[in-house]
Amino acid sequence: MITKRIRVSARCGLLLAGVLALGTCAVMAQNDGPPPGPGGPGGGQRGRGFDPQRQVEMLTQRLNLTADQQTQVKAVLTEQRQKMEAAMVQKRNQRMEEHGGAPPPPPPGV
């Protein structure tokens, strides 16, 4: 019984580490160009391409996650998305300040 719990915990830990590694790669691979405008990719609405719920569904299909694992993974992905959005806003503000302009106010929820 204890061995089974250890195996489940180890699998969950490995899964979470993998998800975080994938998220880190996605952040590092992002373009440093200006954020997309209303006519650009995503219609200027940041974060629409990364949906934690959709990611959880995909991981559940591939890895046969339990309900508890799904909840944990969704929490990690949601937190990761919030941190990524905050980092993007910070980078944009930094660029604006470097070019002498005042940074725009952050979007709601960031």
C-alpha atoms as a PDB file:
ATOM      1  CA  MET A   1       0.000   0.000   0.000  1.00  0.00           C
ATOM      2  CA  ILE A   2       2.776   2.427   0.952  1.00  0.00           C
ATOM      3  CA  THR A   3       4.829   1.392  -2.078  1.00  0.00           C
ATOM      4  CA  LYS A   4       1.877   2.151  -4.336  1.00  0.00           C
ATOM      5  CA  ARG A   5       1.530   5.642  -2.801  1.00  0.00           C
ATOM      6  CA  ILE A   6       5.235   6.258  -3.318  1.00  0.00           C
ATOM      7  CA  ARG A   7       4.936   5.248  -6.981  1.00  0.00           C
ATOM      8  CA  VAL A   8       1.930   7.511  -7.496  1.00  0.00           C
ATOM      9  CA  SER A   9       3.720  10.391  -5.774  1.00  0.00           C
ATOM     10  CA  ALA A  10       6.821   9.805  -7.885  1.00  0.00           C
ATOM     11  CA  ARG A  11       4.764   9.770 -11.089  1.00  0.00           C
ATOM     12  CA  CYS A  12       2.978  12.955 -10.083  1.00  0.00           C
ATOM     13  CA  GLY A  13       6.286  14.640  -9.272  1.00  0.00           C
ATOM     14  CA  LEU A  14       7.789  13.603 -12.594  1.00  0.00           C
ATOM     15  CA  LEU A  15       4.698  14.806 -14.428  1.00  0.00           C
ATOM     16  CA  LEU A  16       4.793  18.187 -12.733  1.00  0.00           C
ATOM     17  CA  ALA A  17       8.514  18.538 -13.435  1.00  0.00           C
ATOM     18  CA  GLY A  18       7.882  17.743 -17.098  1.00  0.00           C
ATOM     19  CA  VAL A  19       5.061  20.260 -17.342  1.00  0.00           C
ATOM     20  CA  LEU A  20       7.233  22.947 -15.774  1.00  0.00           C
ATOM     21  CA  ALA A  21      10.098  22.114 -18.135  1.00  0.00           C
ATOM     22  CA  LEU A  22       7.796  22.421 -21.149  1.00  0.00           C
ATOM     23  CA  GLY A  23       6.490  25.734 -19.878  1.00  0.00           C
ATOM     24  CA  THR A  24      10.004  27.046 -19.363  1.00  0.00           C
ATOM     25  CA  CYS A  25      10.899  26.108 -22.930  1.00  0.00           C
ATOM     26  CA  ALA A  26       7.802  27.914 -24.198  1.00  0.00           C
ATOM     27  CA  VAL A  27       8.748  31.091 -22.318  1.00  0.00           C
ATOM     28  CA  MET A  28      12.322  30.980 -23.586  1.00  0.00           C
ATOM     29  CA  ALA A  29      11.202  30.421 -27.171  1.00  0.00           C
ATOM     30  CA  GLN A  30       8.919  33.448 -27.236  1.00  0.00           C
ATOM     31  CA  ASN A  31       9.697  36.221 -29.663  1.00  0.00           C
ATOM     32  CA  ASP A  32      11.187  39.376 -28.144  1.00  0.00           C
ATOM     33  CA  GLY A  33       9.397  41.542 -30.707  1.00  0.00           C
ATOM     34  CA  PRO A  34       6.619  43.975 -29.835  1.00  0.00           C
ATOM     35  CA  PRO A  35       3.347  42.512 -28.589  1.00  0.00           C
ATOM     36  CA  PRO A  36       0.809  41.755 -31.314  1.00  0.00           C
ATOM     37  CA  GLY A  37      -1.611  44.522 -32.119  1.00  0.00           C
ATOM     38  CA  PRO A  38      -5.342  44.273 -32.775  1.00  0.00           C
ATOM     39  CA  GLY A  39      -4.713  43.017 -36.315  1.00  0.00           C
ATOM     40  CA  GLY A  40      -1.842  40.702 -35.385  1.00  0.00           C
ATOM     41  CA  PRO A  41      -1.747  37.133 -34.123  1.00  0.00           C
ATOM     42  CA  GLY A  42      -4.305  36.466 -31.431  1.00  0.00           C
ATOM     43  CA  GLY A  43      -6.135  39.713 -32.077  1.00  0.00           C
ATOM     44  CA  GLY A  44      -4.045  41.466 -29.421  1.00  0.00           C
ATOM     45  CA  GLN A  45      -5.503  39.355 -26.639  1.00  0.00           C
ATOM     46  CA  ARG A  46      -2.606  37.803 -24.776  1.00  0.00           C
ATOM     47  CA  GLY A  47      -2.714  34.333 -23.333  1.00  0.00           C
ATOM     48  CA  ARG A  48      -5.489  32.996 -25.515  1.00  0.00           C
ATOM     49  CA  GLY A  49      -3.204  30.397 -27.114  1.00  0.00           C
ATOM     50  CA  PHE A  50      -2.346  28.692 -23.820  1.00  0.00           C
ATOM     51  CA  ASP A  51      -5.402  27.243 -22.144  1.00  0.00           C
ATOM     52  CA  PRO A  52      -4.596  25.287 -18.962  1.00  0.00           C
ATOM     53  CA  GLN A  53      -7.830  23.294 -19.203  1.00  0.00           C
ATOM     54  CA  ARG A  54      -7.046  22.237 -22.772  1.00  0.00           C
ATOM     55  CA  GLN A  55      -3.513  21.255 -21.721  1.00  0.00           C
ATOM     56  CA  VAL A  56      -4.889  19.174 -18.833  1.00  0.00           C
ATOM     57  CA  GLU A  57      -7.271  17.388 -21.190  1.00  0.00           C
ATOM     58  CA  MET A  58      -4.427  16.593 -23.594  1.00  0.00           C
ATOM     59  CA  LEU A  59      -2.164  15.352 -20.786  1.00  0.00           C
ATOM     60  CA  THR A  60      -5.016  13.292 -19.328  1.00  0.00           C
ATOM     61  CA  GLN A  61      -5.495  11.513 -22.654  1.00  0.00           C
ATOM     62  CA  ARG A  62      -1.776  10.855 -23.110  1.00  0.00           C
ATOM     63  CA  LEU A  63      -0.906   9.942 -19.518  1.00  0.00           C
ATOM     64  CA  ASN A  64      -4.197   8.630 -18.093  1.00  0.00           C
ATOM     65  CA  LEU A  65      -4.157  11.128 -15.216  1.00  0.00           C
ATOM     66  CA  THR A  66      -6.372  10.613 -12.204  1.00  0.00           C
ATOM     67  CA  ALA A  67      -8.791  13.344 -11.121  1.00  0.00           C
ATOM     68  CA  ASP A  68      -6.386  14.337  -8.339  1.00  0.00           C
ATOM     69  CA  GLN A  69      -3.475  14.584 -10.776  1.00  0.00           C
ATOM     70  CA  GLN A  70      -5.603  16.650 -13.163  1.00  0.00           C
ATOM     71  CA  THR A  71      -6.368  19.120 -10.369  1.00  0.00           C
ATOM     72  CA  GLN A  72      -2.699  19.408  -9.432  1.00  0.00           C
ATOM     73  CA  VAL A  73      -1.534  19.840 -13.030  1.00  0.00           C
ATOM     74  CA  LYS A  74      -4.180  22.479 -13.732  1.00  0.00           C
ATOM     75  CA  ALA A  75      -3.068  24.447 -10.668  1.00  0.00           C
ATOM     76  CA  VAL A  76       0.569  24.342 -11.829  1.00  0.00           C
ATOM     77  CA  LEU A  77      -0.346  25.349 -15.386  1.00  0.00           C
ATOM     78  CA  THR A  78      -2.578  28.197 -14.216  1.00  0.00           C
ATOM     79  CA  GLU A  79       0.147  29.544 -11.929  1.00  0.00           C
ATOM     80  CA  GLN A  80       2.685  29.203 -14.729  1.00  0.00           C
ATOM     81  CA  ARG A  81       0.431  31.148 -17.115  1.00  0.00           C
ATOM     82  CA  GLN A  82       0.000  33.959 -14.602  1.00  0.00           C
ATOM     83  CA  LYS A  83       3.765  34.199 -14.053  1.00  0.00           C
ATOM     84  CA  MET A  84       4.411  34.164 -17.795  1.00  0.00           C
ATOM     85  CA  GLU A  85       1.908  36.956 -18.398  1.00  0.00           C
ATOM     86  CA  ALA A  86       3.404  39.030 -15.583  1.00  0.00           C
ATOM     87  CA  ALA A  87       6.909  38.533 -17.024  1.00  0.00           C
ATOM     88  CA  MET A  88       5.715  39.600 -20.469  1.00  0.00           C
ATOM     89  CA  VAL A  89       4.127  42.752 -19.053  1.00  0.00           C
ATOM     90  CA  GLN A  90       7.308  43.525 -17.122  1.00  0.00           C
ATOM     91  CA  LYS A  91       9.434  43.053 -20.262  1.00  0.00           C
ATOM     92  CA  ARG A  92       7.115  45.268 -22.307  1.00  0.00           C
ATOM     93  CA  ASN A  93       7.221  47.984 -19.655  1.00  0.00           C
ATOM     94  CA  GLN A  94      11.006  47.763 -19.521  1.00  0.00           C
ATOM     95  CA  ARG A  95      11.225  48.227 -23.298  1.00  0.00           C
ATOM     96  CA  MET A  96       8.846  51.165 -23.162  1.00  0.00           C
ATOM     97  CA  GLU A  97      10.940  52.847 -20.468  1.00  0.00           C
ATOM     98  CA  GLU A  98      14.138  52.231 -22.448  1.00  0.00           C
ATOM     99  CA  HIS A  99      12.601  54.037 -25.413  1.00  0.00           C
ATOM    100  CA  GLY A 100      11.429  56.999 -23.331  1.00  0.00           C
ATOM    101  CA  GLY A 101       7.731  56.188 -23.270  1.00  0.00           C
ATOM    102  CA  ALA A 102       5.597  55.618 -20.229  1.00  0.00           C
ATOM    103  CA  PRO A 103       4.482  52.004 -19.894  1.00  0.00           C
ATOM    104  CA  PRO A 104       0.784  51.329 -20.357  1.00  0.00           C
ATOM    105  CA  PRO A 105      -1.198  50.133 -17.347  1.00  0.00           C
ATOM    106  CA  PRO A 106      -1.165  46.349 -16.860  1.00  0.00           C
ATOM    107  CA  PRO A 107      -4.166  44.381 -18.111  1.00  0.00           C
ATOM    108  CA  PRO A 108      -6.762  43.401 -15.514  1.00  0.00           C
ATOM    109  CA  GLY A 109      -5.831  40.386 -13.451  1.00  0.00           C
ATOM    110  CA  VAL A 110      -2.054  40.749 -13.832  1.00  0.00           C
END
